């Protein structure tokens, strides 16, 4: 008696589901920490859009770049975007994908902190949260990314 092969046919109403996996590896350089900063010379519109995403859906803590915050001055788009990009990068695994922002950001080994404005490092962001909560926040980010991809799929 032979084994039967069961073939499941795709129903007409099936919805394709994109599956995502976290980025592989860590881009921290062997000899130290990296920071994610905005690239000078990119379009102001692209930079503003990336900053809005980082502080909005990206859930980066952008309080320090609000008026009166320690990183508000200099009040420039590149400065504010750099702080927001780095905050997002440090809280989301220090991976290549966490420092892209549509090509408006890059990694640096030079600490961009100045005066009272301290740019976080991977050990300084969320260190007060228990490890299980940090892992939950990362899975929440990936869930939101998957939802956005699905929404964009249906809007096309």
N, C-alpha and C. Protein backbone atom coordinates (compact mmCIF):
# COMPACT_ATOMS: atom_id res chain seq x y z
N UNK A 1 0.85 -1.18 0.00
CA UNK A 1 0.00 0.00 0.00
C UNK A 1 0.89 1.24 0.00
N UNK A 2 0.77 2.10 -0.98
CA UNK A 2 1.62 3.27 -1.13
C UNK A 2 1.13 4.44 -0.32
N UNK A 3 2.00 5.36 -0.11
CA UNK A 3 1.65 6.58 0.62
C UNK A 3 0.96 7.55 -0.33
N UNK A 4 -0.08 8.17 0.13
CA UNK A 4 -0.79 9.16 -0.68
C UNK A 4 -0.24 10.55 -0.44
N UNK A 5 -0.22 11.34 -1.46
CA UNK A 5 0.21 12.72 -1.34
C UNK A 5 -1.03 13.59 -1.38
N UNK A 6 -1.16 14.42 -0.37
CA UNK A 6 -2.31 15.30 -0.28
C UNK A 6 -1.93 16.66 -0.85
N UNK A 7 -2.69 17.12 -1.81
CA UNK A 7 -2.43 18.42 -2.42
C UNK A 7 -3.54 19.36 -1.98
N UNK A 8 -3.15 20.47 -1.37
CA UNK A 8 -4.15 21.46 -0.97
C UNK A 8 -4.19 22.55 -2.02
N UNK A 9 -5.36 22.82 -2.49
CA UNK A 9 -5.50 23.87 -3.50
C UNK A 9 -5.76 25.19 -2.81
N UNK A 10 -5.25 26.24 -3.40
CA UNK A 10 -5.41 27.59 -2.88
C UNK A 10 -6.83 28.05 -3.15
N UNK A 11 -7.50 28.50 -2.10
CA UNK A 11 -8.86 29.00 -2.31
C UNK A 11 -8.78 30.39 -2.94
N UNK A 12 -9.82 30.77 -3.64
CA UNK A 12 -9.83 32.06 -4.34
C UNK A 12 -9.72 33.23 -3.38
N UNK A 13 -10.22 33.07 -2.17
CA UNK A 13 -10.22 34.16 -1.20
C UNK A 13 -8.98 34.18 -0.32
N UNK A 14 -7.98 33.36 -0.64
CA UNK A 14 -6.79 33.31 0.21
C UNK A 14 -6.03 34.64 0.16
N UNK A 15 -5.58 35.07 1.31
CA UNK A 15 -4.83 36.31 1.41
C UNK A 15 -3.36 35.95 1.61
N UNK A 16 -2.47 36.44 0.73
CA UNK A 16 -1.05 36.14 0.93
C UNK A 16 -0.53 36.83 2.18
N UNK A 17 0.30 36.14 2.92
CA UNK A 17 0.84 36.70 4.15
C UNK A 17 2.36 36.78 4.02
N UNK A 18 2.88 37.97 4.19
CA UNK A 18 4.34 38.15 4.15
C UNK A 18 4.91 37.74 5.49
N UNK A 19 5.97 36.99 5.47
CA UNK A 19 6.64 36.63 6.72
C UNK A 19 7.98 37.33 6.75
N UNK A 20 8.29 37.86 7.91
CA UNK A 20 9.53 38.59 8.08
C UNK A 20 10.36 37.93 9.17
N UNK A 21 11.64 38.00 9.04
CA UNK A 21 12.51 37.54 10.11
C UNK A 21 13.43 38.70 10.47
N UNK A 22 13.86 38.75 11.71
CA UNK A 22 14.74 39.85 12.10
C UNK A 22 16.02 39.83 11.28
N UNK A 23 16.64 41.00 11.13
CA UNK A 23 17.88 41.05 10.37
C UNK A 23 18.96 40.21 11.06
N UNK A 24 19.84 39.66 10.26
CA UNK A 24 20.90 38.82 10.78
C UNK A 24 22.07 39.69 11.22
N UNK A 25 22.73 39.26 12.25
CA UNK A 25 23.98 39.89 12.64
C UNK A 25 23.82 41.20 13.37
N UNK A 26 24.95 41.78 13.68
CA UNK A 26 25.01 43.03 14.40
C UNK A 26 26.12 43.84 13.74
N UNK A 27 25.84 45.09 13.47
CA UNK A 27 26.82 45.89 12.75
C UNK A 27 27.76 46.66 13.68
N UNK A 28 27.72 46.39 14.98
CA UNK A 28 28.64 47.07 15.87
C UNK A 28 30.06 46.67 15.49
N UNK A 29 30.93 47.63 15.33
CA UNK A 29 32.30 47.36 14.93
C UNK A 29 33.03 46.64 16.07
N UNK A 30 34.02 45.86 15.72
CA UNK A 30 34.77 45.07 16.69
C UNK A 30 35.39 45.97 17.76
N UNK A 31 35.89 47.12 17.36
CA UNK A 31 36.61 47.97 18.31
C UNK A 31 35.72 48.99 19.00
N UNK A 32 34.42 48.83 19.00
CA UNK A 32 33.60 49.77 19.74
C UNK A 32 32.18 49.89 19.26
N UNK A 33 31.55 50.93 19.72
CA UNK A 33 30.14 51.18 19.48
C UNK A 33 29.93 51.96 18.19
N UNK A 34 28.76 51.78 17.61
CA UNK A 34 28.38 52.56 16.43
C UNK A 34 27.15 53.39 16.75
N UNK A 35 26.99 54.47 16.03
CA UNK A 35 25.83 55.33 16.13
C UNK A 35 25.25 55.48 14.73
N UNK A 36 23.98 55.78 14.65
CA UNK A 36 23.31 55.99 13.37
C UNK A 36 22.97 57.47 13.25
N UNK A 37 23.42 58.09 12.18
CA UNK A 37 23.20 59.53 12.01
C UNK A 37 22.64 59.83 10.62
N UNK A 38 22.00 60.96 10.50
CA UNK A 38 21.45 61.41 9.22
C UNK A 38 22.59 61.82 8.29
N UNK A 39 22.40 61.57 7.02
CA UNK A 39 23.39 61.97 6.02
C UNK A 39 23.13 63.41 5.60
N UNK A 40 24.16 64.22 5.62
CA UNK A 40 24.04 65.59 5.12
C UNK A 40 23.94 65.50 3.60
N UNK A 41 23.19 66.39 3.00
CA UNK A 41 23.10 66.44 1.55
C UNK A 41 21.94 65.65 0.95
N UNK A 42 21.20 64.90 1.77
CA UNK A 42 20.02 64.21 1.22
C UNK A 42 18.86 65.20 1.17
N UNK A 43 17.85 64.87 0.42
CA UNK A 43 16.73 65.80 0.26
C UNK A 43 16.05 66.08 1.60
N UNK A 44 15.71 67.35 1.82
CA UNK A 44 15.04 67.77 3.05
C UNK A 44 13.71 67.04 3.22
N UNK A 45 12.99 66.83 2.11
CA UNK A 45 11.70 66.14 2.18
C UNK A 45 11.89 64.69 2.64
N UNK A 46 12.89 64.00 2.10
CA UNK A 46 13.15 62.61 2.49
C UNK A 46 13.58 62.54 3.95
N UNK A 47 14.41 63.47 4.36
CA UNK A 47 14.89 63.50 5.74
C UNK A 47 13.74 63.77 6.71
N UNK A 48 12.87 64.72 6.35
CA UNK A 48 11.72 65.04 7.21
C UNK A 48 10.78 63.84 7.31
N UNK A 49 10.55 63.17 6.19
CA UNK A 49 9.69 61.99 6.18
C UNK A 49 10.26 60.89 7.08
N UNK A 50 11.56 60.67 6.99
CA UNK A 50 12.21 59.65 7.81
C UNK A 50 12.17 60.02 9.29
N UNK A 51 12.37 61.31 9.60
CA UNK A 51 12.29 61.78 10.99
C UNK A 51 10.88 61.58 11.52
N UNK A 52 9.88 61.93 10.73
CA UNK A 52 8.49 61.76 11.15
C UNK A 52 8.19 60.29 11.44
N UNK A 53 8.70 59.39 10.59
CA UNK A 53 8.47 57.96 10.80
C UNK A 53 9.16 57.49 12.08
N UNK A 54 10.43 57.89 12.27
CA UNK A 54 11.19 57.44 13.44
C UNK A 54 10.49 57.84 14.74
N UNK A 55 10.01 59.09 14.81
CA UNK A 55 9.36 59.58 16.02
C UNK A 55 7.89 59.16 16.12
N UNK A 56 7.33 58.68 15.01
CA UNK A 56 5.93 58.24 15.00
C UNK A 56 5.83 56.74 15.06
N UNK A 57 5.62 56.12 13.91
CA UNK A 57 5.46 54.67 13.86
C UNK A 57 6.69 53.92 14.36
N UNK A 58 7.87 54.51 14.20
CA UNK A 58 9.09 53.86 14.67
C UNK A 58 9.25 53.86 16.18
N UNK A 59 8.44 54.66 16.85
CA UNK A 59 8.37 54.73 18.30
C UNK A 59 9.70 55.11 18.97
N UNK A 60 10.55 55.87 18.27
CA UNK A 60 11.77 56.37 18.90
C UNK A 60 11.39 57.44 19.93
N UNK A 61 12.12 57.50 21.02
CA UNK A 61 11.87 58.50 22.05
C UNK A 61 12.50 59.81 21.58
N UNK A 62 11.68 60.73 21.13
CA UNK A 62 12.16 61.99 20.55
C UNK A 62 11.97 63.19 21.47
N UNK A 63 11.75 62.95 22.76
CA UNK A 63 11.55 64.06 23.70
C UNK A 63 12.74 65.00 23.75
N UNK A 64 13.95 64.45 23.63
CA UNK A 64 15.16 65.28 23.76
C UNK A 64 15.31 66.29 22.64
N UNK A 65 14.64 66.07 21.49
CA UNK A 65 14.75 67.03 20.38
C UNK A 65 13.56 67.97 20.31
N UNK A 66 12.67 67.89 21.29
CA UNK A 66 11.56 68.84 21.37
C UNK A 66 12.09 70.15 21.95
N UNK A 67 11.40 71.24 21.68
CA UNK A 67 11.84 72.55 22.20
C UNK A 67 12.03 72.47 23.71
N UNK A 68 13.17 72.94 24.18
CA UNK A 68 13.51 72.89 25.61
C UNK A 68 14.28 71.63 25.99
N UNK A 69 14.34 70.65 25.10
CA UNK A 69 15.07 69.41 25.37
C UNK A 69 16.57 69.60 25.19
N UNK A 70 17.37 68.70 25.75
CA UNK A 70 18.83 68.85 25.69
C UNK A 70 19.42 68.75 24.29
N UNK A 71 18.67 68.21 23.33
CA UNK A 71 19.19 68.06 21.96
C UNK A 71 18.41 68.90 20.95
N UNK A 72 17.62 69.87 21.43
CA UNK A 72 16.86 70.72 20.51
C UNK A 72 17.80 71.61 19.69
N UNK A 73 18.81 72.15 20.35
CA UNK A 73 19.80 72.99 19.64
C UNK A 73 20.97 72.12 19.19
N UNK A 74 21.48 72.26 18.02
CA UNK A 74 21.01 73.19 17.00
C UNK A 74 19.67 72.72 16.41
N UNK A 75 18.81 73.66 16.17
CA UNK A 75 17.47 73.39 15.64
C UNK A 75 17.56 73.19 14.13
N UNK A 76 18.16 72.07 13.72
CA UNK A 76 18.27 71.76 12.30
C UNK A 76 17.67 70.38 12.05
N UNK A 77 17.23 70.17 10.83
CA UNK A 77 16.64 68.89 10.46
C UNK A 77 17.66 67.76 10.57
N UNK A 78 18.88 67.99 10.12
CA UNK A 78 19.92 66.95 10.18
C UNK A 78 20.22 66.58 11.63
N UNK A 79 20.33 67.56 12.50
CA UNK A 79 20.62 67.30 13.91
C UNK A 79 19.49 66.52 14.57
N UNK A 80 18.26 66.95 14.37
CA UNK A 80 17.12 66.27 14.98
C UNK A 80 16.95 64.86 14.42
N UNK A 81 17.11 64.72 13.11
CA UNK A 81 16.97 63.40 12.49
C UNK A 81 18.07 62.47 12.99
N UNK A 82 19.28 62.98 13.14
CA UNK A 82 20.38 62.15 13.64
C UNK A 82 20.06 61.58 15.02
N UNK A 83 19.55 62.43 15.89
CA UNK A 83 19.22 61.97 17.24
C UNK A 83 18.12 60.91 17.19
N UNK A 84 17.07 61.16 16.43
CA UNK A 84 15.95 60.22 16.33
C UNK A 84 16.39 58.90 15.69
N UNK A 85 17.17 58.99 14.62
CA UNK A 85 17.64 57.78 13.94
C UNK A 85 18.48 56.92 14.89
N UNK A 86 19.37 57.58 15.64
CA UNK A 86 20.22 56.83 16.56
C UNK A 86 19.40 56.17 17.66
N UNK A 87 18.42 56.89 18.18
CA UNK A 87 17.57 56.32 19.23
C UNK A 87 16.86 55.07 18.71
N UNK A 88 16.30 55.16 17.50
CA UNK A 88 15.64 54.00 16.91
C UNK A 88 16.64 52.86 16.71
N UNK A 89 17.79 53.17 16.15
CA UNK A 89 18.83 52.17 15.87
C UNK A 89 19.27 51.45 17.14
N UNK A 90 19.50 52.19 18.20
CA UNK A 90 19.99 51.58 19.43
C UNK A 90 18.93 50.71 20.10
N UNK A 91 17.66 51.04 19.94
CA UNK A 91 16.60 50.25 20.58
C UNK A 91 16.11 49.11 19.70
N UNK A 92 16.61 49.01 18.49
CA UNK A 92 16.13 47.97 17.57
C UNK A 92 17.24 47.07 17.05
N UNK A 93 18.20 46.78 17.89
CA UNK A 93 19.17 45.75 17.59
C UNK A 93 20.43 46.13 16.86
N UNK A 94 20.70 47.38 16.65
CA UNK A 94 21.94 47.81 16.00
C UNK A 94 22.20 47.06 14.69
N UNK A 95 21.19 46.88 13.89
CA UNK A 95 21.37 46.14 12.63
C UNK A 95 21.33 47.09 11.45
N UNK A 96 21.84 46.62 10.32
CA UNK A 96 21.85 47.45 9.11
C UNK A 96 20.48 48.01 8.80
N UNK A 97 19.46 47.19 8.91
CA UNK A 97 18.11 47.62 8.55
C UNK A 97 17.59 48.69 9.51
N UNK A 98 18.10 48.71 10.73
CA UNK A 98 17.65 49.70 11.72
C UNK A 98 18.33 51.06 11.53
N UNK A 99 19.27 51.14 10.58
CA UNK A 99 19.92 52.42 10.27
C UNK A 99 19.92 52.62 8.76
N UNK A 100 18.74 52.70 8.20
CA UNK A 100 18.63 52.92 6.77
C UNK A 100 17.80 54.16 6.49
N UNK A 101 16.56 54.14 6.97
CA UNK A 101 15.66 55.28 6.82
C UNK A 101 15.60 55.78 5.38
N UNK A 102 15.39 54.83 4.48
CA UNK A 102 15.24 55.17 3.07
C UNK A 102 16.51 55.75 2.46
N UNK A 103 17.65 55.36 2.99
CA UNK A 103 18.91 55.85 2.45
C UNK A 103 19.33 57.21 2.98
N UNK A 104 18.67 57.68 4.04
CA UNK A 104 18.99 59.00 4.59
C UNK A 104 19.90 58.94 5.80
N UNK A 105 20.34 57.73 6.18
CA UNK A 105 21.16 57.58 7.39
C UNK A 105 22.36 56.68 7.12
N UNK A 106 23.34 56.77 8.00
CA UNK A 106 24.54 55.93 7.90
C UNK A 106 25.12 55.70 9.29
N UNK A 107 25.91 54.65 9.40
CA UNK A 107 26.58 54.34 10.66
C UNK A 107 27.87 55.14 10.78
N UNK A 108 28.21 55.46 12.03
CA UNK A 108 29.48 56.14 12.30
C UNK A 108 30.08 55.55 13.57
N UNK A 109 31.40 55.59 13.66
CA UNK A 109 32.09 55.18 14.88
C UNK A 109 32.39 56.39 15.74
N UNK A 110 32.08 57.60 15.23
CA UNK A 110 32.33 58.85 15.95
C UNK A 110 31.10 59.17 16.81
N UNK A 111 31.31 59.31 18.10
CA UNK A 111 30.21 59.62 19.01
C UNK A 111 29.68 61.03 18.71
N UNK A 112 28.41 61.14 18.28
CA UNK A 112 27.86 62.45 17.91
C UNK A 112 27.37 63.29 19.10
N UNK A 113 27.52 62.78 20.33
CA UNK A 113 27.07 63.52 21.52
C UNK A 113 27.78 64.87 21.62
N UNK A 114 27.10 65.85 22.19
CA UNK A 114 27.69 67.18 22.39
C UNK A 114 27.00 67.84 23.57
N UNK A 115 27.75 68.58 24.34
CA UNK A 115 27.18 69.29 25.49
C UNK A 115 26.32 68.38 26.35
N UNK A 116 25.07 68.81 26.59
CA UNK A 116 24.14 68.01 27.39
C UNK A 116 23.37 67.00 26.55
N UNK A 117 23.62 66.98 25.25
CA UNK A 117 22.93 66.07 24.34
C UNK A 117 23.75 64.78 24.21
N UNK A 118 23.27 63.74 24.87
CA UNK A 118 23.99 62.47 24.87
C UNK A 118 23.25 61.47 23.97
N UNK A 119 23.95 61.02 22.95
CA UNK A 119 23.40 60.00 22.04
C UNK A 119 23.56 58.64 22.71
N UNK A 120 22.50 57.89 22.75
CA UNK A 120 22.52 56.60 23.43
C UNK A 120 23.34 55.55 22.69
N UNK A 121 23.72 54.53 23.42
CA UNK A 121 24.38 53.35 22.85
C UNK A 121 23.51 52.15 23.19
N UNK A 122 23.78 51.02 22.61
CA UNK A 122 22.91 49.86 22.82
C UNK A 122 22.80 49.47 24.29
N UNK A 123 23.84 49.68 25.08
CA UNK A 123 23.77 49.35 26.49
C UNK A 123 23.02 50.38 27.31
N UNK A 124 22.81 51.58 26.77
CA UNK A 124 22.19 52.64 27.56
C UNK A 124 20.71 52.82 27.26
N UNK A 125 20.21 52.20 26.20
CA UNK A 125 18.80 52.37 25.83
C UNK A 125 18.00 51.23 26.41
N UNK A 126 16.98 51.57 27.16
CA UNK A 126 16.09 50.55 27.69
C UNK A 126 16.73 49.64 28.71
N UNK A 127 17.87 50.05 29.27
CA UNK A 127 18.56 49.16 30.19
C UNK A 127 17.78 48.97 31.49
N UNK A 128 16.84 49.86 31.78
CA UNK A 128 16.06 49.70 32.99
C UNK A 128 14.89 48.73 32.79
N UNK A 129 14.58 48.42 31.55
CA UNK A 129 13.49 47.48 31.29
C UNK A 129 14.01 46.06 31.41
N UNK A 130 13.18 45.15 31.95
CA UNK A 130 13.61 43.76 32.02
C UNK A 130 13.80 43.19 30.62
N UNK A 131 14.71 42.20 30.44
CA UNK A 131 14.97 41.64 29.12
C UNK A 131 13.72 41.15 28.41
N UNK A 132 12.77 40.58 29.14
CA UNK A 132 11.55 40.08 28.49
C UNK A 132 10.74 41.23 27.89
N UNK A 133 10.75 42.40 28.53
CA UNK A 133 10.03 43.55 28.00
C UNK A 133 10.73 44.09 26.77
N UNK A 134 12.07 44.14 26.78
CA UNK A 134 12.80 44.61 25.60
C UNK A 134 12.51 43.70 24.41
N UNK A 135 12.48 42.39 24.64
CA UNK A 135 12.20 41.45 23.55
C UNK A 135 10.78 41.67 23.05
N UNK A 136 9.84 41.93 23.97
CA UNK A 136 8.46 42.20 23.58
C UNK A 136 8.38 43.45 22.70
N UNK A 137 9.12 44.51 23.06
CA UNK A 137 9.11 45.73 22.26
C UNK A 137 9.63 45.47 20.86
N UNK A 138 10.69 44.64 20.72
CA UNK A 138 11.21 44.33 19.40
C UNK A 138 10.20 43.55 18.59
N UNK A 139 9.51 42.59 19.22
CA UNK A 139 8.51 41.83 18.46
C UNK A 139 7.34 42.73 18.08
N UNK A 140 7.03 43.73 18.90
CA UNK A 140 5.98 44.67 18.56
C UNK A 140 6.36 45.49 17.33
N UNK A 141 7.62 45.90 17.26
CA UNK A 141 8.10 46.65 16.10
C UNK A 141 7.98 45.79 14.85
N UNK A 142 8.40 44.52 14.92
CA UNK A 142 8.31 43.63 13.75
C UNK A 142 6.86 43.38 13.37
N UNK A 143 5.96 43.29 14.37
CA UNK A 143 4.55 43.10 14.07
C UNK A 143 3.99 44.31 13.33
N UNK A 144 4.37 45.50 13.78
CA UNK A 144 3.90 46.72 13.11
C UNK A 144 4.44 46.81 11.70
N UNK A 145 5.71 46.42 11.51
CA UNK A 145 6.30 46.43 10.18
C UNK A 145 5.56 45.47 9.26
N UNK A 146 5.25 44.28 9.76
CA UNK A 146 4.51 43.30 8.95
C UNK A 146 3.13 43.84 8.59
N UNK A 147 2.47 44.49 9.54
CA UNK A 147 1.15 45.06 9.27
C UNK A 147 1.24 46.16 8.21
N UNK A 148 2.27 47.00 8.29
CA UNK A 148 2.44 48.05 7.29
C UNK A 148 2.68 47.46 5.90
N UNK A 149 3.50 46.40 5.84
CA UNK A 149 3.74 45.76 4.55
C UNK A 149 2.45 45.17 3.97
N UNK A 150 1.66 44.55 4.83
CA UNK A 150 0.39 43.99 4.35
C UNK A 150 -0.55 45.09 3.86
N UNK A 151 -0.61 46.19 4.61
CA UNK A 151 -1.47 47.29 4.19
C UNK A 151 -1.01 47.86 2.86
N UNK A 152 0.31 48.04 2.72
CA UNK A 152 0.82 48.59 1.46
C UNK A 152 0.55 47.63 0.30
N UNK A 153 0.55 46.34 0.56
CA UNK A 153 0.27 45.34 -0.48
C UNK A 153 -1.16 45.52 -1.01
N UNK A 154 -2.10 45.77 -0.12
CA UNK A 154 -3.49 45.90 -0.53
C UNK A 154 -3.81 47.26 -1.11
N UNK A 155 -2.99 48.26 -0.86
CA UNK A 155 -3.23 49.59 -1.41
C UNK A 155 -2.68 49.75 -2.82
N UNK A 156 -1.85 48.83 -3.23
CA UNK A 156 -1.22 48.94 -4.55
C UNK A 156 -2.20 48.53 -5.64
